[in-house]
């Protein structure tokens, strides 16, 4: 039977991580989850303590042995690859710490894999009512590659993930899109038409149009051949 390894990379996510962990447990079946893997990249805000405390409080659950907390160097690609190395599930599900998948997300993913769709994501809805973010959310239901991003989460069979070589660790940002591009080349990407709710906190911090401009700039720079280092430097200057 297919089982899912949920891999969540974190870095200073004390504000959201416990909420997400509760959400995951409440919206998936214990029978379908191989393990829940948290990979910390060096948090200094108490995230590590929150995760360990959560695992301890829930140690009476029937899949308590499937809670895994590991640490590695900072870098989301590295963190997700590190989590995948210890994953035992046939399906990997990479989830951001501020993104909340729909109820029964595990079964939706397994259903698609059993239909032959070996990778994909959910459509997205931002936690903000601005018209642009509502439009951007609506567009994610379509298969267009320009509408893809890591916030929508990523499921992929472990076999296919290993064949591709995992996330490209040269990319400190944009690593999700690099993997997604490889999946589109293989015609292996399915958008599940169920809403995942993701935080609009960065838009709220930077301003919606300002942040959107910078995201578009990164996309265009990559299109014209910018290196991983150039993209990261732009990100550090204008977004981080």
C-alpha atoms as a PDB file:
ATOM      1  CA  UNK A   1       0.000   0.000   0.000  1.00  0.00           C
ATOM      2  CA  UNK A   2       1.220   3.507  -0.813  1.00  0.00           C
ATOM      3  CA  UNK A   3       2.185   5.566   2.218  1.00  0.00           C
ATOM      4  CA  UNK A   4       3.198   9.206   2.478  1.00  0.00           C
ATOM      5  CA  UNK A   5       6.251  10.724   4.131  1.00  0.00           C
ATOM      6  CA  UNK A   6       5.432  14.340   5.004  1.00  0.00           C
ATOM      7  CA  UNK A   7       8.559  16.514   4.995  1.00  0.00           C
ATOM      8  CA  UNK A   8       8.405  20.035   6.436  1.00  0.00           C
ATOM      9  CA  UNK A   9      11.530  22.245   6.296  1.00  0.00           C
ATOM     10  CA  UNK A  10      11.533  24.962   8.948  1.00  0.00           C
ATOM     11  CA  UNK A  11      13.604  27.988   9.909  1.00  0.00           C
ATOM     12  CA  UNK A  12      12.234  30.195  12.698  1.00  0.00           C
ATOM     13  CA  UNK A  13       8.620  29.060  12.323  1.00  0.00           C
ATOM     14  CA  UNK A  14       7.555  29.299  15.981  1.00  0.00           C
ATOM     15  CA  UNK A  15       4.503  31.314  14.940  1.00  0.00           C
ATOM     16  CA  UNK A  16       2.970  28.619  12.735  1.00  0.00           C
ATOM     17  CA  UNK A  17       4.572  25.208  13.232  1.00  0.00           C
ATOM     18  CA  UNK A  18       2.417  23.874  16.080  1.00  0.00           C
ATOM     19  CA  UNK A  19      -0.751  24.971  14.281  1.00  0.00           C
ATOM     20  CA  UNK A  20       0.426  23.161  11.149  1.00  0.00           C
ATOM     21  CA  UNK A  21       1.315  19.964  13.009  1.00  0.00           C
ATOM     22  CA  UNK A  22      -2.110  19.869  14.636  1.00  0.00           C
ATOM     23  CA  UNK A  23      -3.703  20.531  11.259  1.00  0.00           C
ATOM     24  CA  UNK A  24      -1.809  17.672   9.615  1.00  0.00           C
ATOM     25  CA  UNK A  25      -2.827  15.192  12.324  1.00  0.00           C
ATOM     26  CA  UNK A  26      -6.455  16.284  12.187  1.00  0.00           C
ATOM     27  CA  UNK A  27      -6.777  16.099   8.404  1.00  0.00           C
ATOM     28  CA  UNK A  28      -5.007  12.862   7.472  1.00  0.00           C
ATOM     29  CA  UNK A  29      -5.396   9.201   8.344  1.00  0.00           C
ATOM     30  CA  UNK A  30      -2.720   7.596  10.512  1.00  0.00           C
ATOM     31  CA  UNK A  31      -2.881   4.546   8.248  1.00  0.00           C
ATOM     32  CA  UNK A  32      -1.606   6.455   5.213  1.00  0.00           C
ATOM     33  CA  UNK A  33       1.268   8.380   6.850  1.00  0.00           C
ATOM     34  CA  UNK A  34       4.657   6.672   6.889  1.00  0.00           C
ATOM     35  CA  UNK A  35       6.188   9.438   8.990  1.00  0.00           C
ATOM     36  CA  UNK A  36       6.104  13.156   9.711  1.00  0.00           C
ATOM     37  CA  UNK A  37       9.588  14.609   9.268  1.00  0.00           C
ATOM     38  CA  UNK A  38      10.528  18.091  10.464  1.00  0.00           C
ATOM     39  CA  UNK A  39      13.897  19.329   9.193  1.00  0.00           C
ATOM     40  CA  UNK A  40      15.215  22.376  11.017  1.00  0.00           C
ATOM     41  CA  UNK A  41      17.817  24.603   9.387  1.00  0.00           C
ATOM     42  CA  UNK A  42      19.035  26.304  12.565  1.00  0.00           C
ATOM     43  CA  UNK A  43      16.042  28.031  14.150  1.00  0.00           C
ATOM     44  CA  UNK A  44      16.738  30.453  17.003  1.00  0.00           C
ATOM     45  CA  UNK A  45      13.153  31.441  17.834  1.00  0.00           C
ATOM     46  CA  UNK A  46      12.117  28.377  19.843  1.00  0.00           C
ATOM     47  CA  UNK A  47      10.798  26.351  16.889  1.00  0.00           C
ATOM     48  CA  UNK A  48      12.866  23.327  17.892  1.00  0.00           C
ATOM     49  CA  UNK A  49      11.455  23.319  21.422  1.00  0.00           C
ATOM     50  CA  UNK A  50       7.899  23.638  20.103  1.00  0.00           C
ATOM     51  CA  UNK A  51       8.316  20.676  17.742  1.00  0.00           C
ATOM     52  CA  UNK A  52       9.917  18.432  20.371  1.00  0.00           C
ATOM     53  CA  UNK A  53       7.230  19.355  22.897  1.00  0.00           C
ATOM     54  CA  UNK A  54       4.494  18.637  20.359  1.00  0.00           C
ATOM     55  CA  UNK A  55       5.921  15.216  19.551  1.00  0.00           C
ATOM     56  CA  UNK A  56       6.192  14.413  23.243  1.00  0.00           C
ATOM     57  CA  UNK A  57       2.610  15.528  23.975  1.00  0.00           C
ATOM     58  CA  UNK A  58       1.342  13.318  21.171  1.00  0.00           C
ATOM     59  CA  UNK A  59       3.486  10.306  22.058  1.00  0.00           C
ATOM     60  CA  UNK A  60       0.365   8.244  22.785  1.00  0.00           C
ATOM     61  CA  UNK A  61      -0.689   8.315  19.131  1.00  0.00           C
ATOM     62  CA  UNK A  62      -0.551   5.040  17.266  1.00  0.00           C
ATOM     63  CA  UNK A  63       2.111   6.360  14.882  1.00  0.00           C
ATOM     64  CA  UNK A  64       4.327   7.936  17.520  1.00  0.00           C
ATOM     65  CA  UNK A  65       7.379   6.135  16.143  1.00  0.00           C
ATOM     66  CA  UNK A  66       6.822   7.994  12.876  1.00  0.00           C
ATOM     67  CA  UNK A  67       7.592  11.451  14.294  1.00  0.00           C
ATOM     68  CA  UNK A  68      11.075  12.524  13.178  1.00  0.00           C
ATOM     69  CA  UNK A  69      12.910  15.750  14.045  1.00  0.00           C
ATOM     70  CA  UNK A  70      16.298  16.290  12.433  1.00  0.00           C
ATOM     71  CA  UNK A  71      18.664  19.205  12.005  1.00  0.00           C
ATOM     72  CA  UNK A  72      20.955  20.178   9.150  1.00  0.00           C
ATOM     73  CA  UNK A  73      22.504  23.274   7.632  1.00  0.00           C
ATOM     74  CA  UNK A  74      20.210  26.061   6.419  1.00  0.00           C
ATOM     75  CA  UNK A  75      18.836  25.819   2.904  1.00  0.00           C
ATOM     76  CA  UNK A  76      15.388  24.581   1.967  1.00  0.00           C
ATOM     77  CA  UNK A  77      16.628  22.341  -0.867  1.00  0.00           C
ATOM     78  CA  UNK A  78      19.202  20.760   1.448  1.00  0.00           C
ATOM     79  CA  UNK A  79      16.645  20.401   4.249  1.00  0.00           C
ATOM     80  CA  UNK A  80      14.081  18.717   2.010  1.00  0.00           C
ATOM     81  CA  UNK A  81      16.677  16.396   0.481  1.00  0.00           C
ATOM     82  CA  UNK A  82      17.891  15.502   3.966  1.00  0.00           C
ATOM     83  CA  UNK A  83      14.349  14.633   4.992  1.00  0.00           C
ATOM     84  CA  UNK A  84      13.841  12.525   1.878  1.00  0.00           C
ATOM     85  CA  UNK A  85      16.908  10.435   2.715  1.00  0.00           C
ATOM     86  CA  UNK A  86      15.292   9.009   5.855  1.00  0.00           C
ATOM     87  CA  UNK A  87      11.769   8.815   4.415  1.00  0.00           C
ATOM     88  CA  UNK A  88      10.299   5.322   4.167  1.00  0.00           C
ATOM     89  CA  UNK A  89       7.077   6.183   2.334  1.00  0.00           C
ATOM     90  CA  UNK A  90       6.485   5.452  -1.334  1.00  0.00           C
ATOM     91  CA  UNK A  91       5.302   9.074  -1.739  1.00  0.00           C
ATOM     92  CA  UNK A  92       7.070  12.227  -0.534  1.00  0.00           C
ATOM     93  CA  UNK A  93       4.967  15.250   0.372  1.00  0.00           C
ATOM     94  CA  UNK A  94       6.907  18.500   0.815  1.00  0.00           C
ATOM     95  CA  UNK A  95       4.982  21.095   2.779  1.00  0.00           C
ATOM     96  CA  UNK A  96       5.876  24.653   3.799  1.00  0.00           C
ATOM     97  CA  UNK A  97       5.373  25.571   7.442  1.00  0.00           C
ATOM     98  CA  UNK A  98       2.751  28.215   6.661  1.00  0.00           C
ATOM     99  CA  UNK A  99       0.695  26.171   4.177  1.00  0.00           C
ATOM    100  CA  UNK A 100      -2.297  24.111   5.308  1.00  0.00           C
ATOM    101  CA  UNK A 101      -3.503  21.287   3.045  1.00  0.00           C
ATOM    102  CA  UNK A 102      -7.178  20.335   2.654  1.00  0.00           C
ATOM    103  CA  UNK A 103      -8.983  17.710   4.706  1.00  0.00           C
ATOM    104  CA  UNK A 104      -8.124  14.188   3.519  1.00  0.00           C
ATOM    105  CA  UNK A 105      -5.158  15.537   1.577  1.00  0.00           C
ATOM    106  CA  UNK A 106      -3.387  12.211   2.055  1.00  0.00           C
ATOM    107  CA  UNK A 107      -6.110  10.265   0.297  1.00  0.00           C
ATOM    108  CA  UNK A 108      -6.308  12.780  -2.551  1.00  0.00           C
ATOM    109  CA  UNK A 109      -2.573  12.346  -3.141  1.00  0.00           C
ATOM    110  CA  UNK A 110      -2.677   8.548  -2.992  1.00  0.00           C
ATOM    111  CA  UNK A 111      -5.658   8.463  -5.367  1.00  0.00           C
ATOM    112  CA  UNK A 112      -3.735  10.470  -7.971  1.00  0.00           C
ATOM    113  CA  UNK A 113      -0.584   8.356  -7.661  1.00  0.00           C
ATOM    114  CA  UNK A 114      -2.640   5.197  -8.124  1.00  0.00           C
ATOM    115  CA  UNK A 115      -4.076   6.744 -11.315  1.00  0.00           C
ATOM    116  CA  UNK A 116      -0.527   7.139 -12.628  1.00  0.00           C
ATOM    117  CA  UNK A 117       0.001  10.801 -11.721  1.00  0.00           C
ATOM    118  CA  UNK A 118       3.360  10.517 -10.006  1.00  0.00           C
ATOM    119  CA  UNK A 119       3.754  14.158  -8.940  1.00  0.00           C
ATOM    120  CA  UNK A 120       1.778  17.337  -8.468  1.00  0.00           C
ATOM    121  CA  UNK A 121       0.315  19.813  -6.029  1.00  0.00           C
ATOM    122  CA  UNK A 122      -2.918  21.298  -4.699  1.00  0.00           C
ATOM    123  CA  UNK A 123      -4.464  24.514  -5.930  1.00  0.00           C
ATOM    124  CA  UNK A 124      -3.784  27.420  -3.595  1.00  0.00           C
ATOM    125  CA  UNK A 125      -5.724  30.036  -1.685  1.00  0.00           C
ATOM    126  CA  UNK A 126      -3.998  32.918   0.078  1.00  0.00           C
ATOM    127  CA  UNK A 127      -5.141  33.902   3.550  1.00  0.00           C
ATOM    128  CA  UNK A 128      -5.888  37.425   2.325  1.00  0.00           C
ATOM    129  CA  UNK A 129      -8.849  39.006   0.549  1.00  0.00           C
ATOM    130  CA  UNK A 130      -6.985  41.403  -1.774  1.00  0.00           C
ATOM    131  CA  UNK A 131      -8.356  41.054  -5.314  1.00  0.00           C
ATOM    132  CA  UNK A 132      -4.964  40.280  -6.840  1.00  0.00           C
ATOM    133  CA  UNK A 133      -4.254  37.478  -4.392  1.00  0.00           C
ATOM    134  CA  UNK A 134      -7.745  36.081  -4.971  1.00  0.00           C
ATOM    135  CA  UNK A 135      -7.092  36.137  -8.718  1.00  0.00           C
ATOM    136  CA  UNK A 136      -3.644  34.590  -8.324  1.00  0.00           C
ATOM    137  CA  UNK A 137      -5.188  31.885  -6.140  1.00  0.00           C
ATOM    138  CA  UNK A 138      -7.910  31.174  -8.702  1.00  0.00           C
ATOM    139  CA  UNK A 139      -5.342  30.754 -11.470  1.00  0.00           C
ATOM    140  CA  UNK A 140      -3.524  27.976  -9.594  1.00  0.00           C
ATOM    141  CA  UNK A 141      -6.281  25.493 -10.470  1.00  0.00           C
ATOM    142  CA  UNK A 142      -4.986  25.439 -14.051  1.00  0.00           C
ATOM    143  CA  UNK A 143      -2.075  23.420 -15.337  1.00  0.00           C
ATOM    144  CA  UNK A 144      -0.015  26.394 -16.534  1.00  0.00           C
ATOM    145  CA  UNK A 145       3.575  26.140 -15.357  1.00  0.00           C
ATOM    146  CA  UNK A 146       3.735  29.897 -14.658  1.00  0.00           C
ATOM    147  CA  UNK A 147       1.133  29.377 -11.919  1.00  0.00           C
ATOM    148  CA  UNK A 148       3.258  26.898  -9.979  1.00  0.00           C
ATOM    149  CA  UNK A 149       5.268  27.393  -6.802  1.00  0.00           C
ATOM    150  CA  UNK A 150       6.362  25.679  -3.624  1.00  0.00           C
ATOM    151  CA  UNK A 151       3.641  27.227  -1.480  1.00  0.00           C
ATOM    152  CA  UNK A 152       1.153  24.919  -3.221  1.00  0.00           C
ATOM    153  CA  UNK A 153       3.044  21.950  -1.687  1.00  0.00           C
ATOM    154  CA  UNK A 154       4.596  19.159  -3.734  1.00  0.00           C
ATOM    155  CA  UNK A 155       3.855  15.446  -3.830  1.00  0.00           C
ATOM    156  CA  UNK A 156       6.074  13.078  -5.787  1.00  0.00           C
ATOM    157  CA  UNK A 157       6.808   9.381  -5.640  1.00  0.00           C
ATOM    158  CA  UNK A 158      10.088   8.620  -3.961  1.00  0.00           C
ATOM    159  CA  UNK A 159      11.192   6.635  -6.987  1.00  0.00           C
ATOM    160  CA  UNK A 160      10.678   9.571  -9.362  1.00  0.00           C
ATOM    161  CA  UNK A 161      12.248  12.021  -6.891  1.00  0.00           C
ATOM    162  CA  UNK A 162      15.370   9.872  -6.680  1.00  0.00           C
ATOM    163  CA  UNK A 163      15.499   9.492 -10.479  1.00  0.00           C
ATOM    164  CA  UNK A 164      15.487  13.276 -10.889  1.00  0.00           C
ATOM    165  CA  UNK A 165      18.122  13.660  -8.200  1.00  0.00           C
ATOM    166  CA  UNK A 166      16.014  15.549  -5.670  1.00  0.00           C
ATOM    167  CA  UNK A 167      16.054  19.302  -5.227  1.00  0.00           C
ATOM    168  CA  UNK A 168      19.004  21.176  -6.729  1.00  0.00           C
ATOM    169  CA  UNK A 169      20.965  22.356  -3.694  1.00  0.00           C
ATOM    170  CA  UNK A 170      22.732  25.015  -5.755  1.00  0.00           C
ATOM    171  CA  UNK A 171      19.519  27.037  -5.493  1.00  0.00           C
ATOM    172  CA  UNK A 172      18.952  28.791  -2.177  1.00  0.00           C
ATOM    173  CA  UNK A 173      15.669  30.019  -3.661  1.00  0.00           C
ATOM    174  CA  UNK A 174      13.624  28.822  -6.651  1.00  0.00           C
ATOM    175  CA  UNK A 175      14.460  25.204  -5.856  1.00  0.00           C
ATOM    176  CA  UNK A 176      10.784  24.233  -6.027  1.00  0.00           C
ATOM    177  CA  UNK A 177      10.450  25.607  -9.542  1.00  0.00           C
ATOM    178  CA  UNK A 178      13.582  23.807 -10.722  1.00  0.00           C
ATOM    179  CA  UNK A 179      12.048  20.478  -9.660  1.00  0.00           C
ATOM    180  CA  UNK A 180       8.660  21.430 -11.112  1.00  0.00           C
ATOM    181  CA  UNK A 181      10.304  22.234 -14.462  1.00  0.00           C
ATOM    182  CA  UNK A 182      11.788  18.731 -14.509  1.00  0.00           C
ATOM    183  CA  UNK A 183       8.366  17.240 -13.804  1.00  0.00           C
ATOM    184  CA  UNK A 184       6.722  19.238 -16.602  1.00  0.00           C
ATOM    185  CA  UNK A 185       9.397  18.000 -19.013  1.00  0.00           C
ATOM    186  CA  UNK A 186       8.391  14.456 -18.066  1.00  0.00           C
ATOM    187  CA  UNK A 187       4.674  15.326 -18.339  1.00  0.00           C
ATOM    188  CA  UNK A 188       4.298  14.237 -14.738  1.00  0.00           C
ATOM    189  CA  UNK A 189       2.417  16.956 -12.916  1.00  0.00           C
ATOM    190  CA  UNK A 190      -1.145  16.892 -11.631  1.00  0.00           C
ATOM    191  CA  UNK A 191      -2.946  19.811 -10.004  1.00  0.00           C
ATOM    192  CA  UNK A 192      -5.445  18.497  -7.455  1.00  0.00           C
ATOM    193  CA  UNK A 193      -8.462  20.798  -7.494  1.00  0.00           C
ATOM    194  CA  UNK A 194      -8.707  21.130  -3.717  1.00  0.00           C
ATOM    195  CA  UNK A 195      -7.625  24.268  -1.871  1.00  0.00           C
ATOM    196  CA  UNK A 196      -4.514  24.498   0.231  1.00  0.00           C
ATOM    197  CA  UNK A 197      -4.500  27.646   2.391  1.00  0.00           C
ATOM    198  CA  UNK A 198      -1.202  29.491   2.535  1.00  0.00           C
ATOM    199  CA  UNK A 199      -0.176  32.553   4.501  1.00  0.00           C
ATOM    200  CA  UNK A 200       0.058  35.942   2.802  1.00  0.00           C
ATOM    201  CA  UNK A 201       2.440  37.175   5.502  1.00  0.00           C
ATOM    202  CA  UNK A 202       5.202  38.174   3.089  1.00  0.00           C
ATOM    203  CA  UNK A 203       2.764  40.170   0.983  1.00  0.00           C
ATOM    204  CA  UNK A 204       1.547  41.877   4.139  1.00  0.00           C
ATOM    205  CA  UNK A 205       5.124  42.670   5.192  1.00  0.00           C
ATOM    206  CA  UNK A 206       6.474  43.969   1.872  1.00  0.00           C
ATOM    207  CA  UNK A 207       3.300  45.199   0.209  1.00  0.00           C
ATOM    208  CA  UNK A 208       1.382  43.168  -2.341  1.00  0.00           C
ATOM    209  CA  UNK A 209       2.545  44.926  -5.511  1.00  0.00           C
ATOM    210  CA  UNK A 210       6.123  45.349  -4.341  1.00  0.00           C
ATOM    211  CA  UNK A 211       6.542  41.675  -3.508  1.00  0.00           C
ATOM    212  CA  UNK A 212       4.743  40.539  -6.638  1.00  0.00           C
ATOM    213  CA  UNK A 213       7.051  42.690  -8.760  1.00  0.00           C
ATOM    214  CA  UNK A 214      10.111  41.081  -7.170  1.00  0.00           C
ATOM    215  CA  UNK A 215       8.715  37.573  -7.654  1.00  0.00           C
ATOM    216  CA  UNK A 216       8.079  38.356 -11.325  1.00  0.00           C
ATOM    217  CA  UNK A 217      11.598  39.788 -11.606  1.00  0.00           C
ATOM    218  CA  UNK A 218      13.100  36.561 -10.247  1.00  0.00           C
ATOM    219  CA  UNK A 219      11.009  34.504 -12.667  1.00  0.00           C
ATOM    220  CA  UNK A 220      12.085  36.645 -15.645  1.00  0.00           C
ATOM    221  CA  UNK A 221      15.736  36.654 -14.557  1.00  0.00           C
ATOM    222  CA  UNK A 222      15.723  32.853 -14.445  1.00  0.00           C
ATOM    223  CA  UNK A 223      14.002  32.746 -17.843  1.00  0.00           C
ATOM    224  CA  UNK A 224      16.873  34.796 -19.295  1.00  0.00           C
ATOM    225  CA  UNK A 225      19.500  32.543 -17.740  1.00  0.00           C
ATOM    226  CA  UNK A 226      20.369  34.093 -14.372  1.00  0.00           C
ATOM    227  CA  UNK A 227      22.494  31.841 -12.170  1.00  0.00           C
ATOM    228  CA  UNK A 228      21.443  30.442  -8.821  1.00  0.00           C
ATOM    229  CA  UNK A 229      23.786  32.926  -7.127  1.00  0.00           C
ATOM    230  CA  UNK A 230      22.312  35.894  -9.010  1.00  0.00           C
ATOM    231  CA  UNK A 231      18.783  34.905  -8.045  1.00  0.00           C
ATOM    232  CA  UNK A 232      19.794  34.495  -4.411  1.00  0.00           C
ATOM    233  CA  UNK A 233      21.541  37.864  -4.317  1.00  0.00           C
ATOM    234  CA  UNK A 234      18.434  39.553  -5.749  1.00  0.00           C
ATOM    235  CA  UNK A 235      16.294  37.807  -3.155  1.00  0.00           C
ATOM    236  CA  UNK A 236      18.552  38.894  -0.310  1.00  0.00           C
ATOM    237  CA  UNK A 237      18.556  42.491  -1.521  1.00  0.00           C
ATOM    238  CA  UNK A 238      14.839  42.970  -2.072  1.00  0.00           C
ATOM    239  CA  UNK A 239      12.881  40.270  -0.213  1.00  0.00           C
ATOM    240  CA  UNK A 240      14.763  38.590   2.631  1.00  0.00           C
END
